[in-house]
PDB file of all heavy atoms in Angstrom:
ATOM      1  N   ARG A   1     127.198 103.881  81.455  1.00  0.00           N
ATOM      2  CA  ARG A   1     128.648 103.730  81.650  1.00  0.00           C
ATOM      3  C   ARG A   1     129.415 104.952  81.158  1.00  0.00           C
ATOM      4  O   ARG A   1     130.378 105.397  81.779  1.00  0.00           O
ATOM      5  CB  ARG A   1     129.157 102.471  80.925  1.00  0.00           C
ATOM      6  CG  ARG A   1     128.889 101.180  81.681  1.00  0.00           C
ATOM      7  CD  ARG A   1     129.730 100.035  81.127  1.00  0.00           C
ATOM      8  NE  ARG A   1     129.376  99.713  79.755  1.00  0.00           N
ATOM      9  CZ  ARG A   1     128.481  98.801  79.410  1.00  0.00           C
ATOM     10  NH1 ARG A   1     127.818  98.129  80.335  1.00  0.00           N
ATOM     11  NH2 ARG A   1     128.234  98.549  78.141  1.00  0.00           N
ATOM     12  N   ARG A   2     128.970 105.492  80.036  1.00  0.00           N
ATOM     13  CA  ARG A   2     129.673 106.627  79.430  1.00  0.00           C
ATOM     14  C   ARG A   2     129.628 107.859  80.329  1.00  0.00           C
ATOM     15  O   ARG A   2     130.550 108.666  80.327  1.00  0.00           O
ATOM     16  CB  ARG A   2     128.998 106.917  78.074  1.00  0.00           C
ATOM     17  CG  ARG A   2     129.849 107.670  77.080  1.00  0.00           C
ATOM     18  CD  ARG A   2     129.114 107.782  75.766  1.00  0.00           C
ATOM     19  NE  ARG A   2     128.892 106.488  75.128  1.00  0.00           N
ATOM     20  CZ  ARG A   2     127.830 106.171  74.390  1.00  0.00           C
ATOM     21  NH1 ARG A   2     126.863 107.055  74.192  1.00  0.00           N
ATOM     22  NH2 ARG A   2     127.736 104.977  73.852  1.00  0.00           N
ATOM     23  N   HIS A   3     128.543 107.996  81.102  1.00  0.00           N
ATOM     24  CA  HIS A   3     128.337 109.230  81.876  1.00  0.00           C
ATOM     25  C   HIS A   3     128.345 109.005  83.386  1.00  0.00           C
ATOM     26  O   HIS A   3     128.001 109.913  84.144  1.00  0.00           O
ATOM     27  CB  HIS A   3     127.010 109.875  81.455  1.00  0.00           C
ATOM     28  CG  HIS A   3     126.997 110.297  80.016  1.00  0.00           C
ATOM     29  ND1 HIS A   3     127.557 111.491  79.586  1.00  0.00           N
ATOM     30  CD2 HIS A   3     126.526 109.680  78.899  1.00  0.00           C
ATOM     31  CE1 HIS A   3     127.415 111.596  78.271  1.00  0.00           C
ATOM     32  NE2 HIS A   3     126.791 110.516  77.839  1.00  0.00           N
ATOM     33  N   GLU A   4     128.740 107.808  83.842  1.00  0.00           N
ATOM     34  CA  GLU A   4     128.591 107.490  85.262  1.00  0.00           C
ATOM     35  C   GLU A   4     129.409 108.393  86.177  1.00  0.00           C
ATOM     36  O   GLU A   4     129.035 108.607  87.335  1.00  0.00           O
ATOM     37  CB  GLU A   4     128.910 106.024  85.533  1.00  0.00           C
ATOM     38  CG  GLU A   4     130.334 105.616  85.262  1.00  0.00           C
ATOM     39  CD  GLU A   4     130.517 104.120  85.470  1.00  0.00           C
ATOM     40  OE1 GLU A   4     129.660 103.491  86.120  1.00  0.00           O
ATOM     41  OE2 GLU A   4     131.509 103.574  84.958  1.00  0.00           O
ATOM     42  N   ALA A   5     130.499 108.955  85.697  1.00  0.00           N
ATOM     43  CA  ALA A   5     131.323 109.814  86.550  1.00  0.00           C
ATOM     44  C   ALA A   5     130.570 111.069  86.985  1.00  0.00           C
ATOM     45  O   ALA A   5     130.838 111.611  88.065  1.00  0.00           O
ATOM     46  CB  ALA A   5     132.611 110.198  85.817  1.00  0.00           C
ATOM     47  N   ARG A   6     129.638 111.509  86.165  1.00  0.00           N
ATOM     48  CA  ARG A   6     128.861 112.717  86.505  1.00  0.00           C
ATOM     49  C   ARG A   6     127.428 112.395  86.907  1.00  0.00           C
ATOM     50  O   ARG A   6     126.636 113.292  87.199  1.00  0.00           O
ATOM     51  CB  ARG A   6     128.836 113.689  85.312  1.00  0.00           C
ATOM     52  CG  ARG A   6     130.211 114.232  84.943  1.00  0.00           C
ATOM     53  CD  ARG A   6     130.125 115.320  83.886  1.00  0.00           C
ATOM     54  NE  ARG A   6     129.516 114.828  82.651  1.00  0.00           N
ATOM     55  CZ  ARG A   6     128.376 115.288  82.132  1.00  0.00           C
ATOM     56  NH1 ARG A   6     127.696 116.235  82.726  1.00  0.00           N
ATOM     57  NH2 ARG A   6     127.925 114.789  80.996  1.00  0.00           N
ATOM     58  N   ALA A   7     127.091 111.097  86.920  1.00  0.00           N
ATOM     59  CA  ALA A   7     125.713 110.687  87.202  1.00  0.00           C
ATOM     60  C   ALA A   7     125.456 110.627  88.704  1.00  0.00           C
ATOM     61  O   ALA A   7     126.381 110.613  89.519  1.00  0.00           O
ATOM     62  CB  ALA A   7     125.439 109.325  86.574  1.00  0.00           C
ATOM     63  N   ALA A   8     124.182 110.593  89.055  1.00  0.00           N
ATOM     64  CA  ALA A   8     123.755 110.330  90.434  1.00  0.00           C
ATOM     65  C   ALA A   8     123.087 108.960  90.460  1.00  0.00           C
ATOM     66  O   ALA A   8     122.554 108.488  89.449  1.00  0.00           O
ATOM     67  CB  ALA A   8     122.783 111.404  90.912  1.00  0.00           C
ATOM     68  N   PHE A   9     123.119 108.318  91.630  1.00  0.00           N
ATOM     69  CA  PHE A   9     122.479 107.015  91.787  1.00  0.00           C
ATOM     70  C   PHE A   9     121.662 107.003  93.071  1.00  0.00           C
ATOM     71  O   PHE A   9     122.024 107.639  94.063  1.00  0.00           O
ATOM     72  CB  PHE A   9     123.519 105.886  91.816  1.00  0.00           C
ATOM     73  CG  PHE A   9     124.186 105.668  90.490  1.00  0.00           C
ATOM     74  CD1 PHE A   9     125.333 106.374  90.158  1.00  0.00           C
ATOM     75  CD2 PHE A   9     123.644 104.791  89.562  1.00  0.00           C
ATOM     76  CE1 PHE A   9     125.941 106.195  88.932  1.00  0.00           C
ATOM     77  CE2 PHE A   9     124.249 104.609  88.324  1.00  0.00           C
ATOM     78  CZ  PHE A   9     125.402 105.310  88.002  1.00  0.00           C
ATOM     79  N   VAL A  10     120.544 106.294  93.016  1.00  0.00           N
ATOM     80  CA  VAL A  10     119.698 106.099  94.189  1.00  0.00           C
ATOM     81  C   VAL A  10     119.755 104.620  94.535  1.00  0.00           C
ATOM     82  O   VAL A  10     119.638 103.760  93.650  1.00  0.00           O
ATOM     83  CB  VAL A  10     118.248 106.545  93.926  1.00  0.00           C
ATOM     84  CG1 VAL A  10     117.399 106.363  95.173  1.00  0.00           C
ATOM     85  CG2 VAL A  10     118.216 108.001  93.468  1.00  0.00           C
ATOM     86  N   ASP A  11     119.974 104.310  95.809  1.00  0.00           N
ATOM     87  CA  ASP A  11     120.141 102.919  96.242  1.00  0.00           C
ATOM     88  C   ASP A  11     118.827 102.321  96.724  1.00  0.00           C
ATOM     89  O   ASP A  11     118.066 102.965  97.456  1.00  0.00           O
ATOM     90  CB  ASP A  11     121.182 102.854  97.359  1.00  0.00           C
ATOM     91  CG  ASP A  11     122.576 103.145  96.843  1.00  0.00           C
ATOM     92  OD1 ASP A  11     123.056 102.375  95.997  1.00  0.00           O
ATOM     93  OD2 ASP A  11     123.179 104.160  97.256  1.00  0.00           O
ATOM     94  N   TRP A  12     118.603 101.058  96.318  1.00  0.00           N
ATOM     95  CA  TRP A  12     117.403 100.313  96.691  1.00  0.00           C
ATOM     96  C   TRP A  12     117.797  98.949  97.233  1.00  0.00           C
ATOM     97  O   TRP A  12     118.878  98.437  96.916  1.00  0.00           O
ATOM     98  CB  TRP A  12     116.495 100.121  95.468  1.00  0.00           C
ATOM     99  CG  TRP A  12     116.169 101.398  94.772  1.00  0.00           C
ATOM    100  CD1 TRP A  12     116.577 101.790  93.539  1.00  0.00           C
ATOM    101  CD2 TRP A  12     115.404 102.479  95.293  1.00  0.00           C
ATOM    102  NE1 TRP A  12     116.106 103.048  93.249  1.00  0.00           N
ATOM    103  CE2 TRP A  12     115.378 103.503  94.316  1.00  0.00           C
ATOM    104  CE3 TRP A  12     114.722 102.696  96.496  1.00  0.00           C
ATOM    105  CZ2 TRP A  12     114.704 104.696  94.489  1.00  0.00           C
ATOM    106  CZ3 TRP A  12     114.054 103.894  96.677  1.00  0.00           C
ATOM    107  CH2 TRP A  12     114.044 104.874  95.681  1.00  0.00           C
ATOM    108  N   PRO A  13     116.922  98.325  98.015  1.00  0.00           N
ATOM    109  CA  PRO A  13     117.202  96.958  98.478  1.00  0.00           C
ATOM    110  C   PRO A  13     117.376  96.008  97.294  1.00  0.00           C
ATOM    111  O   PRO A  13     116.684  96.133  96.280  1.00  0.00           O
ATOM    112  CB  PRO A  13     115.957  96.590  99.297  1.00  0.00           C
ATOM    113  CG  PRO A  13     115.312  97.895  99.640  1.00  0.00           C
ATOM    114  CD  PRO A  13     115.642  98.839  98.531  1.00  0.00           C
ATOM    115  N   ALA A  14     118.279  95.057  97.434  1.00  0.00           N
ATOM    116  CA  ALA A  14     118.541  94.120  96.336  1.00  0.00           C
ATOM    117  C   ALA A  14     117.277  93.371  95.913  1.00  0.00           C
ATOM    118  O   ALA A  14     117.087  93.059  94.735  1.00  0.00           O
ATOM    119  CB  ALA A  14     119.630  93.131  96.746  1.00  0.00           C
ATOM    120  N   ALA A  15     116.371  93.100  96.852  1.00  0.00           N
ATOM    121  CA  ALA A  15     115.152  92.348  96.531  1.00  0.00           C
ATOM    122  C   ALA A  15     114.256  93.088  95.555  1.00  0.00           C
ATOM    123  O   ALA A  15     113.482  92.465  94.812  1.00  0.00           O
ATOM    124  CB  ALA A  15     114.377  92.032  97.806  1.00  0.00           C
ATOM    125  N   ALA A  16     114.340  94.421  95.520  1.00  0.00           N
ATOM    126  CA  ALA A  16     113.481  95.204  94.631  1.00  0.00           C
ATOM    127  C   ALA A  16     113.850  95.018  93.166  1.00  0.00           C
ATOM    128  O   ALA A  16     113.094  95.409  92.281  1.00  0.00           O
ATOM    129  CB  ALA A  16     113.539  96.686  94.999  1.00  0.00           C
ATOM    130  N   LEU A  17     115.010  94.408  92.915  1.00  0.00           N
ATOM    131  CA  LEU A  17     115.451  94.188  91.538  1.00  0.00           C
ATOM    132  C   LEU A  17     114.657  93.090  90.844  1.00  0.00           C
ATOM    133  O   LEU A  17     114.715  92.950  89.634  1.00  0.00           O
ATOM    134  CB  LEU A  17     116.945  93.828  91.547  1.00  0.00           C
ATOM    135  CG  LEU A  17     117.622  93.543  90.215  1.00  0.00           C
ATOM    136  CD1 LEU A  17     117.521  94.732  89.269  1.00  0.00           C
ATOM    137  CD2 LEU A  17     119.085  93.175  90.436  1.00  0.00           C
ATOM    138  N   ALA A  18     113.910  92.300  91.593  1.00  0.00           N
ATOM    139  CA  ALA A  18     113.252  91.110  91.049  1.00  0.00           C
ATOM    140  C   ALA A  18     112.504  91.407  89.753  1.00  0.00           C
ATOM    141  O   ALA A  18     111.664  92.297  89.688  1.00  0.00           O
ATOM    142  CB  ALA A  18     112.274  90.543  92.086  1.00  0.00           C
ATOM    143  N   ASP A  19     112.850  90.636  88.717  1.00  0.00           N
ATOM    144  CA  ASP A  19     112.093  90.717  87.465  1.00  0.00           C
ATOM    145  C   ASP A  19     111.493  89.342  87.183  1.00  0.00           C
ATOM    146  O   ASP A  19     111.739  88.388  87.903  1.00  0.00           O
ATOM    147  CB  ASP A  19     112.957  91.217  86.298  1.00  0.00           C
ATOM    148  CG  ASP A  19     114.137  90.296  86.019  1.00  0.00           C
ATOM    149  OD1 ASP A  19     114.329  89.328  86.764  1.00  0.00           O
ATOM    150  OD2 ASP A  19     114.866  90.558  85.053  1.00  0.00           O
ATOM    151  N   VAL A  20     110.678  89.296  86.158  1.00  0.00           N
ATOM    152  CA  VAL A  20     109.935  88.071  85.855  1.00  0.00           C
ATOM    153  C   VAL A  20     110.332  87.588  84.468  1.00  0.00           C
ATOM    154  O   VAL A  20     109.935  88.185  83.470  1.00  0.00           O
ATOM    155  CB  VAL A  20     108.417  88.312  85.935  1.00  0.00           C
ATOM    156  CG1 VAL A  20     107.658  87.051  85.556  1.00  0.00           C
ATOM    157  CG2 VAL A  20     108.020  88.772  87.331  1.00  0.00           C
ATOM    158  N   ASP A  21     111.154  86.550  84.428  1.00  0.00           N
ATOM    159  CA  ASP A  21     111.539  85.938  83.159  1.00  0.00           C
ATOM    160  C   ASP A  21     111.057  84.502  83.044  1.00  0.00           C
ATOM    161  O   ASP A  21     110.794  84.015  81.950  1.00  0.00           O
ATOM    162  CB  ASP A  21     113.065  85.960  82.997  1.00  0.00           C
ATOM    163  CG  ASP A  21     113.589  87.343  82.636  1.00  0.00           C
ATOM    164  OD1 ASP A  21     112.906  88.051  81.863  1.00  0.00           O
ATOM    165  OD2 ASP A  21     114.659  87.725  83.129  1.00  0.00           O
ATOM    166  N   LEU A  22     110.981  83.807  84.187  1.00  0.00           N
ATOM    167  CA  LEU A  22     110.638  82.390  84.221  1.00  0.00           C
ATOM    168  C   LEU A  22     109.484  82.157  85.183  1.00  0.00           C
ATOM    169  O   LEU A  22     109.243  82.991  86.069  1.00  0.00           O
ATOM    170  CB  LEU A  22     111.860  81.578  84.683  1.00  0.00           C
ATOM    171  CG  LEU A  22     113.123  81.691  83.818  1.00  0.00           C
ATOM    172  CD1 LEU A  22     114.326  81.138  84.556  1.00  0.00           C
ATOM    173  CD2 LEU A  22     112.916  80.977  82.487  1.00  0.00           C
ATOM    174  N   PRO A  23     108.756  81.049  85.055  1.00  0.00           N
ATOM    175  CA  PRO A  23     107.653  80.776  85.986  1.00  0.00           C
ATOM    176  C   PRO A  23     108.076  80.824  87.451  1.00  0.00           C
ATOM    177  O   PRO A  23     107.322  81.312  88.301  1.00  0.00           O
ATOM    178  CB  PRO A  23     107.198  79.370  85.563  1.00  0.00           C
ATOM    179  CG  PRO A  23     107.513  79.305  84.102  1.00  0.00           C
ATOM    180  CD  PRO A  23     108.808  80.057  83.954  1.00  0.00           C
ATOM    181  N   ASP A  24     109.293  80.361  87.768  1.00  0.00           N
ATOM    182  CA  ASP A  24     109.762  80.417  89.162  1.00  0.00           C
ATOM    183  C   ASP A  24     109.892  81.857  89.654  1.00  0.00           C
ATOM    184  O   ASP A  24     109.649  82.144  90.828  1.00  0.00           O
ATOM    185  CB  ASP A  24     111.116  79.707  89.300  1.00  0.00           C
ATOM    186  CG  ASP A  24     110.978  78.190  89.227  1.00  0.00           C
ATOM    187  OD1 ASP A  24     109.832  77.704  89.239  1.00  0.00           O
ATOM    188  OD2 ASP A  24     112.008  77.510  89.160  1.00  0.00           O
ATOM    189  N   ASP A  25     110.292  82.756  88.749  1.00  0.00           N
ATOM    190  CA  ASP A  25     110.398  84.176  89.118  1.00  0.00           C
ATOM    191  C   ASP A  25     109.039  84.724  89.528  1.00  0.00           C
ATOM    192  O   ASP A  25     108.925  85.526  90.463  1.00  0.00           O
ATOM    193  CB  ASP A  25     110.924  85.009  87.938  1.00  0.00           C
ATOM    194  CG  ASP A  25     112.310  84.595  87.496  1.00  0.00           C
ATOM    195  OD1 ASP A  25     113.079  84.079  88.329  1.00  0.00           O
ATOM    196  OD2 ASP A  25     112.623  84.797  86.309  1.00  0.00           O
ATOM    197  N   LEU A  26     108.022  84.297  88.820  1.00  0.00           N
ATOM    198  CA  LEU A  26     106.667  84.769  89.093  1.00  0.00           C
ATOM    199  C   LEU A  26     106.245  84.395  90.512  1.00  0.00           C
ATOM    200  O   LEU A  26     105.712  85.237  91.252  1.00  0.00           O
ATOM    201  CB  LEU A  26     105.718  84.160  88.060  1.00  0.00           C
ATOM    202  CG  LEU A  26     104.285  84.666  88.046  1.00  0.00           C
ATOM    203  CD1 LEU A  26     104.233  86.152  87.775  1.00  0.00           C
ATOM    204  CD2 LEU A  26     103.491  83.903  86.994  1.00  0.00           C
ATOM    205  N   GLU A  27     106.500  83.173  90.895  1.00  0.00           N
ATOM    206  CA  GLU A  27     106.126  82.742  92.251  1.00  0.00           C
ATOM    207  C   GLU A  27     106.932  83.493  93.304  1.00  0.00           C
ATOM    208  O   GLU A  27     106.411  83.849  94.358  1.00  0.00           O
ATOM    209  CB  GLU A  27     106.325  81.227  92.388  1.00  0.00           C
ATOM    210  CG  GLU A  27     105.412  80.407  91.481  1.00  0.00           C
ATOM    211  CD  GLU A  27     103.958  80.868  91.534  1.00  0.00           C
ATOM    212  OE1 GLU A  27     103.418  81.043  92.655  1.00  0.00           O
ATOM    213  OE2 GLU A  27     103.360  81.077  90.462  1.00  0.00           O
ATOM    214  N   ARG A  28     108.215  83.735  93.021  1.00  0.00           N
ATOM    215  CA  ARG A  28     109.055  84.459  93.979  1.00  0.00           C
ATOM    216  C   ARG A  28     108.547  85.892  94.182  1.00  0.00           C
ATOM    217  O   ARG A  28     108.456  86.384  95.304  1.00  0.00           O
ATOM    218  CB  ARG A  28     110.501  84.476  93.486  1.00  0.00           C
ATOM    219  CG  ARG A  28     111.483  85.043  94.511  1.00  0.00           C
ATOM    220  CD  ARG A  28     112.907  85.015  94.012  1.00  0.00           C
ATOM    221  NE  ARG A  28     113.190  86.081  93.076  1.00  0.00           N
ATOM    222  CZ  ARG A  28     113.326  85.940  91.768  1.00  0.00           C
ATOM    223  NH1 ARG A  28     113.182  84.753  91.213  1.00  0.00           N
ATOM    224  NH2 ARG A  28     113.599  86.967  90.998  1.00  0.00           N
ATOM    225  N   VAL A  29     108.200  86.551  93.079  1.00  0.00           N
ATOM    226  CA  VAL A  29     107.708  87.932  93.157  1.00  0.00           C
ATOM    227  C   VAL A  29     106.374  87.983  93.890  1.00  0.00           C
ATOM    228  O   VAL A  29     106.147  88.878  94.723  1.00  0.00           O
ATOM    229  CB  VAL A  29     107.600  88.534  91.729  1.00  0.00           C
ATOM    230  CG1 VAL A  29     106.754  89.790  91.744  1.00  0.00           C
ATOM    231  CG2 VAL A  29     108.984  88.839  91.182  1.00  0.00           C
ATOM    232  N   ARG A  30     105.495  87.042  93.602  1.00  0.00           N
ATOM    233  CA  ARG A  30     104.202  87.020  94.297  1.00  0.00           C
ATOM    234  C   ARG A  30     104.402  86.820  95.791  1.00  0.00           C
ATOM    235  O   ARG A  30     103.698  87.442  96.619  1.00  0.00           O
ATOM    236  CB  ARG A  30     103.322  85.904  93.724  1.00  0.00           C
ATOM    237  CG  ARG A  30     102.712  86.266  92.377  1.00  0.00           C
ATOM    238  CD  ARG A  30     101.988  85.089  91.741  1.00  0.00           C
ATOM    239  NE  ARG A  30     101.255  85.489  90.535  1.00  0.00           N
ATOM    240  CZ  ARG A  30     100.875  84.654  89.584  1.00  0.00           C
ATOM    241  NH1 ARG A  30     101.155  83.363  89.682  1.00  0.00           N
ATOM    242  NH2 ARG A  30     100.199  85.090  88.535  1.00  0.00           N
ATOM    243  N   ALA A  31     105.364  85.997  96.194  1.00  0.00           N
ATOM    244  CA  ALA A  31     105.647  85.790  97.608  1.00  0.00           C
ATOM    245  C   ALA A  31     106.201  87.060  98.245  1.00  0.00           C
ATOM    246  O   ALA A  31     105.828  87.412  99.371  1.00  0.00           O
ATOM    247  CB  ALA A  31     106.635  84.635  97.781  1.00  0.00           C
ATOM    248  N   LEU A  32     107.084  87.765  97.531  1.00  0.00           N
ATOM    249  CA  LEU A  32     107.633  89.028  98.057  1.00  0.00           C
ATOM    250  C   LEU A  32     106.532  90.062  98.260  1.00  0.00           C
ATOM    251  O   LEU A  32     106.498  90.771  99.266  1.00  0.00           O
ATOM    252  CB  LEU A  32     108.701  89.562  97.105  1.00  0.00           C
ATOM    253  CG  LEU A  32     110.050  88.853  97.111  1.00  0.00           C
ATOM    254  CD1 LEU A  32     110.906  89.293  95.941  1.00  0.00           C
ATOM    255  CD2 LEU A  32     110.796  89.138  98.422  1.00  0.00           C
ATOM    256  N   LEU A  33     105.630  90.157  97.281  1.00  0.00           N
ATOM    257  CA  LEU A  33     104.533  91.119  97.410  1.00  0.00           C
ATOM    258  C   LEU A  33     103.601  90.756  98.558  1.00  0.00           C
ATOM    259  O   LEU A  33     103.091  91.630  99.256  1.00  0.00           O
ATOM    260  CB  LEU A  33     103.752  91.182  96.084  1.00  0.00           C
ATOM    261  CG  LEU A  33     104.441  91.935  94.954  1.00  0.00           C
ATOM    262  CD1 LEU A  33     103.688  91.721  93.647  1.00  0.00           C
ATOM    263  CD2 LEU A  33     104.553  93.417  95.262  1.00  0.00           C
ATOM    264  N   ALA A  34     103.375  89.472  98.742  1.00  0.00           N
ATOM    265  CA  ALA A  34     102.481  89.026  99.817  1.00  0.00           C
ATOM    266  C   ALA A  34     103.031  89.386 101.194  1.00  0.00           C
ATOM    267  O   ALA A  34     102.269  89.614 102.139  1.00  0.00           O
ATOM    268  CB  ALA A  34     102.256  87.523  99.713  1.00  0.00           C
ATOM    269  N   ARG A  35     104.377  89.451 101.297  1.00  0.00           N
ATOM    270  CA  ARG A  35     104.990  89.768 102.594  1.00  0.00           C
ATOM    271  C   ARG A  35     105.034  91.265 102.873  1.00  0.00           C
ATOM    272  O   ARG A  35     105.350  91.676 103.974  1.00  0.00           O
ATOM    273  CB  ARG A  35     106.440  89.216 102.630  1.00  0.00           C
ATOM    274  CG  ARG A  35     106.486  87.696 102.739  1.00  0.00           C
ATOM    275  CD  ARG A  35     107.817  87.232 103.285  1.00  0.00           C
ATOM    276  NE  ARG A  35     108.924  87.519 102.382  1.00  0.00           N
ATOM    277  CZ  ARG A  35     109.350  86.671 101.442  1.00  0.00           C
ATOM    278  NH1 ARG A  35     108.730  85.517 101.257  1.00  0.00           N
ATOM    279  NH2 ARG A  35     110.384  86.982 100.671  1.00  0.00           N
ATOM    280  N   ARG A  36     104.767  92.090 101.854  1.00  0.00           N
ATOM    281  CA  ARG A  36     104.839  93.547 102.049  1.00  0.00           C
ATOM    282  C   ARG A  36     103.639  94.039 102.853  1.00  0.00           C
ATOM    283  O   ARG A  36     102.547  93.575 102.683  1.00  0.00           O
ATOM    284  CB  ARG A  36     104.901  94.265 100.714  1.00  0.00           C
ATOM    285  CG  ARG A  36     106.260  94.078 100.040  1.00  0.00           C
ATOM    286  CD  ARG A  36     106.386  95.014  98.873  1.00  0.00           C
ATOM    287  NE  ARG A  36     107.794  95.039  98.433  1.00  0.00           N
ATOM    288  CZ  ARG A  36     108.260  95.876  97.520  1.00  0.00           C
ATOM    289  NH1 ARG A  36     107.459  96.747  96.966  1.00  0.00           N
ATOM    290  NH2 ARG A  36     109.528  95.838  97.182  1.00  0.00           N
TER     291      ARG A  36
END
């Protein structure tokens, strides 16, 4: 936040943000990988 005015950003699909915190997240991520 402090440096965002001079920073660069690279854009990715929203689905790539998936992290694993709960058991349901794990199944969702495994399904996404299976479709790749």
